[in-house]
Protein backbone atom coordinates (compact mmCIF):
# COMPACT_ATOMS: atom_id res chain seq x y z
CA UNK A 1 0.26 36.27 5.96
CA UNK A 2 2.71 38.09 8.22
CA UNK A 3 5.55 35.90 6.95
CA UNK A 4 4.54 36.64 3.36
CA UNK A 5 4.50 40.38 4.07
CA UNK A 6 7.89 40.18 5.77
CA UNK A 7 9.53 38.30 2.86
CA UNK A 8 8.11 40.66 0.26
CA UNK A 9 9.09 43.75 2.25
CA UNK A 10 12.68 42.59 2.79
CA UNK A 11 13.10 41.50 -0.84
CA UNK A 12 11.64 44.72 -2.20
CA UNK A 13 13.81 46.79 0.16
CA UNK A 14 16.96 44.96 -0.97
CA UNK A 15 15.98 45.50 -4.60
CA UNK A 16 15.44 49.21 -3.98
CA UNK A 17 18.81 49.54 -2.24
CA UNK A 18 20.61 47.75 -5.07
CA UNK A 19 18.79 49.92 -7.58
CA UNK A 20 20.05 53.02 -5.77
CA UNK A 21 23.58 51.56 -5.70
CA UNK A 22 23.51 51.03 -9.46
CA UNK A 23 21.96 54.42 -10.11
CA UNK A 24 24.45 56.43 -8.08
CA UNK A 25 27.66 54.40 -8.39
CA UNK A 26 27.54 52.24 -11.49
CA UNK A 27 25.74 54.34 -14.03
CA UNK A 28 26.58 52.73 -17.34
CA UNK A 29 24.50 51.78 -20.42
CA UNK A 30 25.22 48.09 -19.81
CA UNK A 31 23.48 48.19 -16.41
CA UNK A 32 20.20 49.50 -17.91
CA UNK A 33 18.45 46.09 -18.09
CA UNK A 34 19.60 45.24 -14.55
CA UNK A 35 18.18 48.50 -13.21
CA UNK A 36 14.87 47.91 -15.02
CA UNK A 37 14.80 44.31 -13.82
CA UNK A 38 15.28 45.35 -10.20
CA UNK A 39 12.64 48.06 -10.55
CA UNK A 40 10.06 45.62 -11.96
CA UNK A 41 10.87 42.78 -9.56
CA UNK A 42 10.88 45.04 -6.51
CA UNK A 43 7.57 46.64 -7.51
CA UNK A 44 5.89 43.28 -8.11
CA UNK A 45 7.35 41.73 -4.97
CA UNK A 46 6.30 44.65 -2.80
CA UNK A 47 2.71 44.47 -4.07
CA UNK A 48 2.16 40.71 -3.57
CA UNK A 49 0.50 41.35 -0.16
CA UNK A 50 -2.00 43.64 -1.92
CA UNK A 51 -3.26 40.67 -3.95
CA UNK A 52 -6.46 40.23 -1.99
CA UNK A 53 -10.05 41.04 -2.79
CA UNK A 54 -10.45 43.83 -0.24
CA UNK A 55 -7.40 45.81 -1.40
CA UNK A 56 -8.06 45.37 -5.11
CA UNK A 57 -11.68 46.46 -4.73
CA UNK A 58 -10.78 49.48 -2.62
CA UNK A 59 -7.83 50.45 -4.84
CA UNK A 60 -8.67 49.31 -8.41
CA UNK A 61 -5.60 51.08 -9.87
CA UNK A 62 -3.36 48.40 -8.34
CA UNK A 63 -4.68 45.74 -10.72
CA UNK A 64 -3.62 47.32 -14.07
CA UNK A 65 -0.39 48.57 -12.50
CA UNK A 66 0.88 45.23 -11.21
CA UNK A 67 -0.79 42.45 -13.23
CA UNK A 68 1.11 43.13 -16.52
CA UNK A 69 4.57 43.34 -14.88
CA UNK A 70 5.41 39.61 -15.33
CA UNK A 71 5.53 40.18 -19.09
CA UNK A 72 8.79 42.09 -18.50
CA UNK A 73 10.62 39.55 -16.30
CA UNK A 74 11.94 37.18 -18.96
CA UNK A 75 12.81 39.87 -21.47
CA UNK A 76 14.85 41.90 -18.98
CA UNK A 77 16.67 38.76 -17.77
CA UNK A 78 17.60 37.86 -21.35
CA UNK A 79 18.73 41.41 -22.12
CA UNK A 80 20.83 41.46 -18.95
CA UNK A 81 22.42 38.13 -19.91
CA UNK A 82 23.28 39.53 -23.33
CA UNK A 83 25.01 42.49 -21.69
CA UNK A 84 26.98 40.26 -19.32
CA UNK A 85 28.12 37.92 -22.09
CA UNK A 86 29.47 40.69 -24.32
CA UNK A 87 32.01 43.43 -23.85
CA UNK A 88 30.32 45.73 -26.35
CA UNK A 89 26.81 47.09 -25.94
CA UNK A 90 24.14 44.42 -26.42
CA UNK A 91 21.02 46.55 -26.68
CA UNK A 92 18.42 44.39 -28.46
CA UNK A 93 17.48 45.28 -31.99
CA UNK A 94 13.98 46.69 -32.30
CA UNK A 95 13.92 47.19 -28.54
CA UNK A 96 10.33 48.61 -28.37
CA UNK A 97 8.94 45.37 -29.85
CA UNK A 98 9.93 43.45 -26.72
CA UNK A 99 7.69 45.73 -24.64
CA UNK A 100 4.59 45.04 -26.78
CA UNK A 101 3.21 42.19 -24.58
CA UNK A 102 3.47 44.40 -21.49
CA UNK A 103 1.86 47.38 -23.26
CA UNK A 104 -0.94 45.18 -24.64
CA UNK A 105 -1.69 43.58 -21.26
CA UNK A 106 -1.61 46.97 -19.51
CA UNK A 107 -4.06 48.39 -22.05
CA UNK A 108 -6.34 45.34 -21.81
CA UNK A 109 -6.47 45.30 -18.00
CA UNK A 110 -6.92 49.07 -17.83
CA UNK A 111 -9.78 48.84 -20.33
CA UNK A 112 -11.42 46.06 -18.28
CA UNK A 113 -11.24 48.10 -15.10
CA UNK A 114 -12.44 51.36 -16.68
CA UNK A 115 -15.35 49.88 -18.61
CA UNK A 116 -16.70 48.05 -15.55
CA UNK A 117 -18.97 49.84 -13.14
CA UNK A 118 -18.16 49.39 -9.44
CA UNK A 119 -20.51 46.43 -9.05
CA UNK A 120 -19.16 44.61 -12.14
CA UNK A 121 -15.58 45.17 -10.99
CA UNK A 122 -16.41 43.90 -7.50
CA UNK A 123 -17.96 40.74 -8.97
CA UNK A 124 -14.90 40.22 -11.17
CA UNK A 125 -12.46 40.44 -8.25
CA UNK A 126 -14.62 38.24 -6.04
CA UNK A 127 -14.83 35.60 -8.79
CA UNK A 128 -11.03 35.57 -9.05
CA UNK A 129 -10.58 34.99 -5.33
CA UNK A 130 -13.41 32.47 -5.25
CA UNK A 131 -11.45 30.28 -7.65
CA UNK A 132 -13.86 30.86 -10.55
CA UNK A 133 -12.25 33.59 -12.73
CA UNK A 134 -13.41 34.37 -16.27
CA UNK A 135 -11.70 32.19 -18.89
CA UNK A 136 -9.64 35.05 -20.34
CA UNK A 137 -7.70 35.48 -17.09
CA UNK A 138 -5.96 32.04 -16.91
CA UNK A 139 -5.44 32.18 -20.68
CA UNK A 140 -3.60 35.50 -20.45
CA UNK A 141 -1.67 34.27 -17.42
CA UNK A 142 -0.64 31.19 -19.41
CA UNK A 143 0.58 33.58 -22.12
CA UNK A 144 2.75 35.33 -19.51
CA UNK A 145 4.27 31.99 -18.55
CA UNK A 146 4.91 31.10 -22.20
CA UNK A 147 6.59 34.41 -23.01
CA UNK A 148 8.81 34.16 -19.94
CA UNK A 149 9.70 30.55 -20.77
CA UNK A 150 10.86 31.56 -24.25
CA UNK A 151 13.14 34.26 -22.85
CA UNK A 152 14.53 31.94 -20.15
CA UNK A 153 15.37 29.37 -22.84
CA UNK A 154 17.19 32.08 -24.80
CA UNK A 155 19.03 33.07 -21.61
CA UNK A 156 19.93 29.44 -20.92
CA UNK A 157 21.49 29.18 -24.38
CA UNK A 158 23.81 32.02 -23.44
CA UNK A 159 24.65 30.62 -20.01
CA UNK A 160 25.01 26.93 -20.91
CA UNK A 161 25.69 26.99 -24.66
CA UNK A 162 28.92 26.35 -26.54
CA UNK A 163 30.18 29.89 -26.04
CA UNK A 164 29.78 29.70 -22.25
CA UNK A 165 33.16 28.00 -21.90
CA UNK A 166 34.82 31.18 -23.13
CA UNK A 167 33.47 33.30 -20.30
CA UNK A 168 35.39 33.93 -17.12
CA UNK A 169 34.21 31.93 -14.07
CA UNK A 170 32.57 35.06 -12.66
CA UNK A 171 30.53 35.59 -15.81
CA UNK A 172 29.45 31.96 -15.95
CA UNK A 173 28.33 32.00 -12.30
CA UNK A 174 26.34 35.17 -12.82
CA UNK A 175 24.77 33.98 -16.07
CA UNK A 176 23.78 30.59 -14.70
CA UNK A 177 22.41 32.11 -11.51
CA UNK A 178 20.04 34.31 -13.50
CA UNK A 179 18.79 31.21 -15.31
CA UNK A 180 18.39 28.72 -12.45
CA UNK A 181 16.71 30.98 -9.88
CA UNK A 182 14.31 32.68 -12.35
CA UNK A 183 13.28 29.21 -13.53
CA UNK A 184 12.13 28.51 -9.96
CA UNK A 185 10.31 31.85 -9.94
CA UNK A 186 8.59 30.92 -13.21
CA UNK A 187 7.48 27.54 -11.86
CA UNK A 188 5.87 29.08 -8.77
CA UNK A 189 4.39 31.90 -10.84
CA UNK A 190 2.92 29.40 -13.33
CA UNK A 191 1.13 27.64 -10.49
CA UNK A 192 -0.35 30.72 -8.81
CA UNK A 193 -1.21 32.35 -12.16
CA UNK A 194 -2.81 29.45 -14.02
CA UNK A 195 -4.33 27.35 -11.22
CA UNK A 196 -7.41 29.21 -9.86
CA UNK A 197 -7.27 27.26 -6.60
CA UNK A 198 -4.03 29.00 -5.58
CA UNK A 199 -5.73 32.38 -5.38
CA UNK A 200 -8.73 30.82 -3.67
CA UNK A 201 -6.45 29.31 -1.01
CA UNK A 202 -4.84 32.70 -0.50
CA UNK A 203 -8.20 34.26 0.24
CA UNK A 204 -8.84 31.45 2.74
CA UNK A 205 -5.66 32.31 4.65
CA UNK A 206 -3.33 29.70 3.05
CA UNK A 207 -0.58 31.73 1.34
CA UNK A 208 1.87 28.84 0.72
CA UNK A 209 2.09 29.08 -3.12
CA UNK A 210 2.51 32.85 -2.95
CA UNK A 211 4.97 32.40 -0.09
CA UNK A 212 7.18 30.21 -2.29
CA UNK A 213 6.85 32.68 -5.16
CA UNK A 214 7.82 35.64 -2.97
CA UNK A 215 10.73 33.68 -1.50
CA UNK A 216 12.08 32.79 -4.95
CA UNK A 217 11.79 36.39 -6.14
CA UNK A 218 13.52 37.68 -3.01
CA UNK A 219 16.25 35.03 -3.47
CA UNK A 220 16.90 36.27 -7.01
CA UNK A 221 17.25 39.87 -5.82
CA UNK A 222 19.64 38.88 -3.02
CA UNK A 223 21.67 36.69 -5.39
CA UNK A 224 22.08 39.54 -7.86
CA UNK A 225 23.06 41.83 -4.99
CA UNK A 226 25.74 39.39 -3.83
CA UNK A 227 27.13 38.83 -7.32
CA UNK A 228 27.07 42.56 -8.01
CA UNK A 229 29.38 43.14 -5.04
CA UNK A 230 31.44 39.95 -5.30
CA UNK A 231 32.22 40.06 -9.04
CA UNK A 232 32.91 43.69 -9.98
CA UNK A 233 34.90 42.75 -13.12
CA UNK A 234 31.77 42.02 -15.15
CA UNK A 235 31.75 44.33 -18.22
CA UNK A 236 29.88 47.52 -17.56
CA UNK A 237 30.37 47.51 -13.78
CA UNK A 238 32.50 49.89 -11.76
CA UNK A 239 33.80 51.78 -14.76
CA UNK A 240 34.80 55.36 -14.10
CA UNK A 241 31.70 57.50 -14.41
CA UNK A 242 31.58 60.68 -16.46
CA UNK A 243 31.23 63.68 -14.21
CA UNK A 244 31.19 67.37 -14.96
CA UNK A 245 34.67 67.73 -13.53
CA UNK A 246 36.04 64.89 -15.64
CA UNK A 247 34.18 66.12 -18.72
CA UNK A 248 36.00 69.39 -18.23
CA UNK A 249 39.27 67.42 -18.15
CA UNK A 250 38.38 65.56 -21.34
CA UNK A 251 35.19 66.51 -23.22
CA UNK A 252 33.51 63.75 -25.27
CA UNK A 253 34.88 65.01 -28.58
CA UNK A 254 38.40 65.11 -27.16
CA UNK A 255 38.00 61.58 -25.80
CA UNK A 256 37.06 60.29 -29.24
CA UNK A 257 40.02 62.10 -30.81
CA UNK A 258 42.42 60.62 -28.27
CA UNK A 259 40.99 57.14 -28.87
CA UNK A 260 41.55 57.51 -32.61
CA UNK A 261 45.17 58.50 -31.99
CA UNK A 262 45.56 55.61 -29.56
CA UNK A 263 44.14 53.17 -32.12
CA UNK A 264 46.57 54.51 -34.72
CA UNK A 265 49.51 53.84 -32.38
CA UNK A 266 48.21 50.36 -31.64
CA UNK A 267 47.71 49.70 -35.38
CA UNK A 268 51.32 50.62 -35.93
CA UNK A 269 52.34 47.92 -33.44
CA UNK A 270 52.92 49.94 -30.27
CA UNK A 271 51.13 47.30 -28.19
CA UNK A 272 53.91 44.80 -29.00
CA UNK A 273 56.25 46.64 -26.65
CA UNK A 274 56.18 44.45 -23.49
CA UNK A 275 57.20 47.42 -21.33
CA UNK A 276 54.50 49.73 -22.64
CA UNK A 277 52.67 51.65 -19.90
CA UNK A 278 49.90 54.20 -19.87
CA UNK A 279 52.42 56.88 -18.90
CA UNK A 280 54.72 55.96 -21.80
CA UNK A 281 51.93 56.04 -24.34
CA UNK A 282 50.56 59.31 -22.96
CA UNK A 283 54.05 60.78 -23.37
CA UNK A 284 54.17 59.63 -26.99
CA UNK A 285 50.76 61.19 -27.60
CA UNK A 286 51.80 64.34 -25.73
CA UNK A 287 48.79 64.14 -23.44
CA UNK A 288 48.24 63.89 -19.70
CA UNK A 289 48.10 60.25 -18.53
CA UNK A 290 44.94 60.85 -16.47
CA UNK A 291 43.21 62.35 -19.48
CA UNK A 292 44.15 59.38 -21.67
CA UNK A 293 42.98 56.92 -19.01
CA UNK A 294 39.66 58.71 -18.72
CA UNK A 295 39.27 58.80 -22.51
CA UNK A 296 39.70 55.03 -22.68
CA UNK A 297 37.26 54.43 -19.79
CA UNK A 298 34.64 56.76 -21.20
CA UNK A 299 34.90 55.64 -24.82
CA UNK A 300 35.68 51.92 -24.57
CA UNK A 301 34.13 51.23 -21.15
CA UNK A 302 37.24 49.38 -19.97
CA UNK A 303 40.61 50.24 -18.46
CA UNK A 304 43.72 51.00 -20.51
CA UNK A 305 45.37 47.78 -19.30
CA UNK A 306 42.35 45.74 -20.39
CA UNK A 307 42.34 47.44 -23.80
CA UNK A 308 46.07 46.80 -24.24
CA UNK A 309 45.70 43.13 -23.31
CA UNK A 310 42.83 42.67 -25.73
CA UNK A 311 44.87 44.11 -28.59
CA UNK A 312 47.66 41.70 -27.72
CA UNK A 313 45.24 38.77 -27.55
CA UNK A 314 43.77 39.73 -30.93
CA UNK A 315 47.29 39.83 -32.40
CA UNK A 316 48.09 36.43 -30.86
CA UNK A 317 44.95 34.88 -32.37
CA UNK A 318 45.79 36.43 -35.74
CA UNK A 319 49.25 34.89 -35.57
CA UNK A 320 47.73 31.54 -34.60
CA UNK A 321 45.41 31.70 -37.60
CA UNK A 322 48.31 32.44 -39.92
CA UNK A 323 50.39 29.66 -38.34
CA UNK A 324 47.96 26.83 -39.08
CA UNK A 325 50.19 25.40 -41.81
CA UNK A 326 53.40 25.56 -39.81
CA UNK A 327 54.39 24.66 -36.31
CA UNK A 328 54.80 27.72 -34.15
CA UNK A 329 55.35 28.03 -30.42
CA UNK A 330 52.56 29.65 -28.43
CA UNK A 331 55.25 31.36 -26.41
CA UNK A 332 56.84 32.92 -29.49
CA UNK A 333 53.47 34.22 -30.66
CA UNK A 334 52.66 35.55 -27.18
CA UNK A 335 55.98 37.40 -26.99
CA UNK A 336 55.49 38.76 -30.53
CA UNK A 337 52.11 40.11 -29.42
CA UNK A 338 53.76 42.02 -26.57
CA UNK A 339 53.07 39.87 -23.51
CA UNK A 340 55.99 40.21 -21.09
CA UNK A 341 55.85 36.64 -19.75
CA UNK A 342 54.26 33.25 -20.17
CA UNK A 343 52.35 33.49 -16.90
CA UNK A 344 50.88 36.91 -17.79
CA UNK A 345 49.76 35.63 -21.18
CA UNK A 346 48.10 32.50 -19.77
CA UNK A 347 46.38 34.46 -17.01
CA UNK A 348 45.05 37.17 -19.35
CA UNK A 349 43.90 34.62 -21.91
CA UNK A 350 42.02 32.57 -19.33
CA UNK A 351 40.39 35.68 -17.82
CA UNK A 352 39.19 36.80 -21.25
CA UNK A 353 38.10 33.49 -22.78
CA UNK A 354 37.62 31.24 -19.75
CA UNK A 355 39.96 28.52 -21.04
CA UNK A 356 43.58 27.86 -22.01
CA UNK A 357 44.90 28.99 -25.42
CA UNK A 358 45.25 25.42 -26.66
CA UNK A 359 41.67 24.55 -25.64
CA UNK A 360 40.35 27.69 -27.30
CA UNK A 361 42.18 27.06 -30.57
CA UNK A 362 41.16 23.40 -30.55
CA UNK A 363 37.53 24.49 -30.18
CA UNK A 364 37.86 26.98 -33.03
CA UNK A 365 39.56 24.44 -35.28
CA UNK A 366 38.33 20.99 -34.20
CA UNK A 367 39.70 19.28 -37.30
CA UNK A 368 43.08 20.95 -37.05
CA UNK A 369 46.02 19.94 -34.94
CA UNK A 370 46.48 22.58 -32.27
CA UNK A 371 49.95 23.53 -31.01
CA UNK A 372 50.90 22.17 -27.64
CA UNK A 373 50.03 24.25 -24.60
CA UNK A 374 52.81 26.54 -23.43
CA UNK A 375 55.34 24.55 -21.45
CA UNK A 376 58.09 25.77 -19.16
CA UNK A 377 60.55 27.83 -21.14
CA UNK A 378 64.07 28.65 -20.03
CA UNK A 379 64.34 31.85 -22.01
CA UNK A 380 64.54 35.00 -19.87
CA UNK A 381 61.45 37.19 -19.89
């Protein structure tokens, strides 16, 4: 039991520290599901040692507070995967509907606790830890497993599906990590939640199933912590944060106005200038370069250089679409889009789509002949 308490305490502490890191340093709408996930996982992990008859009888409020939390695990993982896989916001449609299972279970457990007198509640808890719970308990626990399994399958489709090859290596590692490790968590949770003997063994001083569950949950938190620090280029992470001082430099309305002017310049073809810099464009717009940079970060959630490269990539893909019926060099199209060199183009394309231009176009048009990958070119760049 001491080992179980140690694992849960260390995992919950790491989750709390990472939650603070996100809250104070990486405040961004795209990190919302990650923050909620860490909050829920840390809370459930920290309270695993309280899952014993004595504590639950003495503190009945723990039961309705912690028992429904597993209904949130799969949903928050899936939402987080959606945010990682997209550059734009991926807030689920009809967001409140995804919380219904958790709300329903919380209401049901709370009702059970409140309607029972102390003796009835004591008998209920003792029956659970004696391995003879009422039928509704394993049924509802099986429902938790089913709901989580559905969300993990949806997450796996994002991480291992056809579109996964377009992600950068960092995104793929993060996405697949939050599928593989939570699957282990779900397996251990399914056993301790559905098999009454697991809880009975815990009351007899054999915490092995719960030990494995706590270890898997702690492993997930530590993995997310490592990836959060090791792969800061994931969309939504380490973007300049709005502060009062910066808002004074560029209020939200001014940021939107600057972005509209920037888009107009890009629409006119300004991005095709291979020597274009933030300072040059700020001069054309007659605005301070720091203000323009902040406007892009605040409005688009990415850096100016990233925005510029994406406009160039979009122009390249448009040219490639128009060039289906005629042979056209990738290098010519890349230069026309504003990339200063072959190596820059290939690097930016691979970082954005996770594959070479020729592989990407072949995937988009499997029945079409794709131009040859960019070869060495003797033209000066």
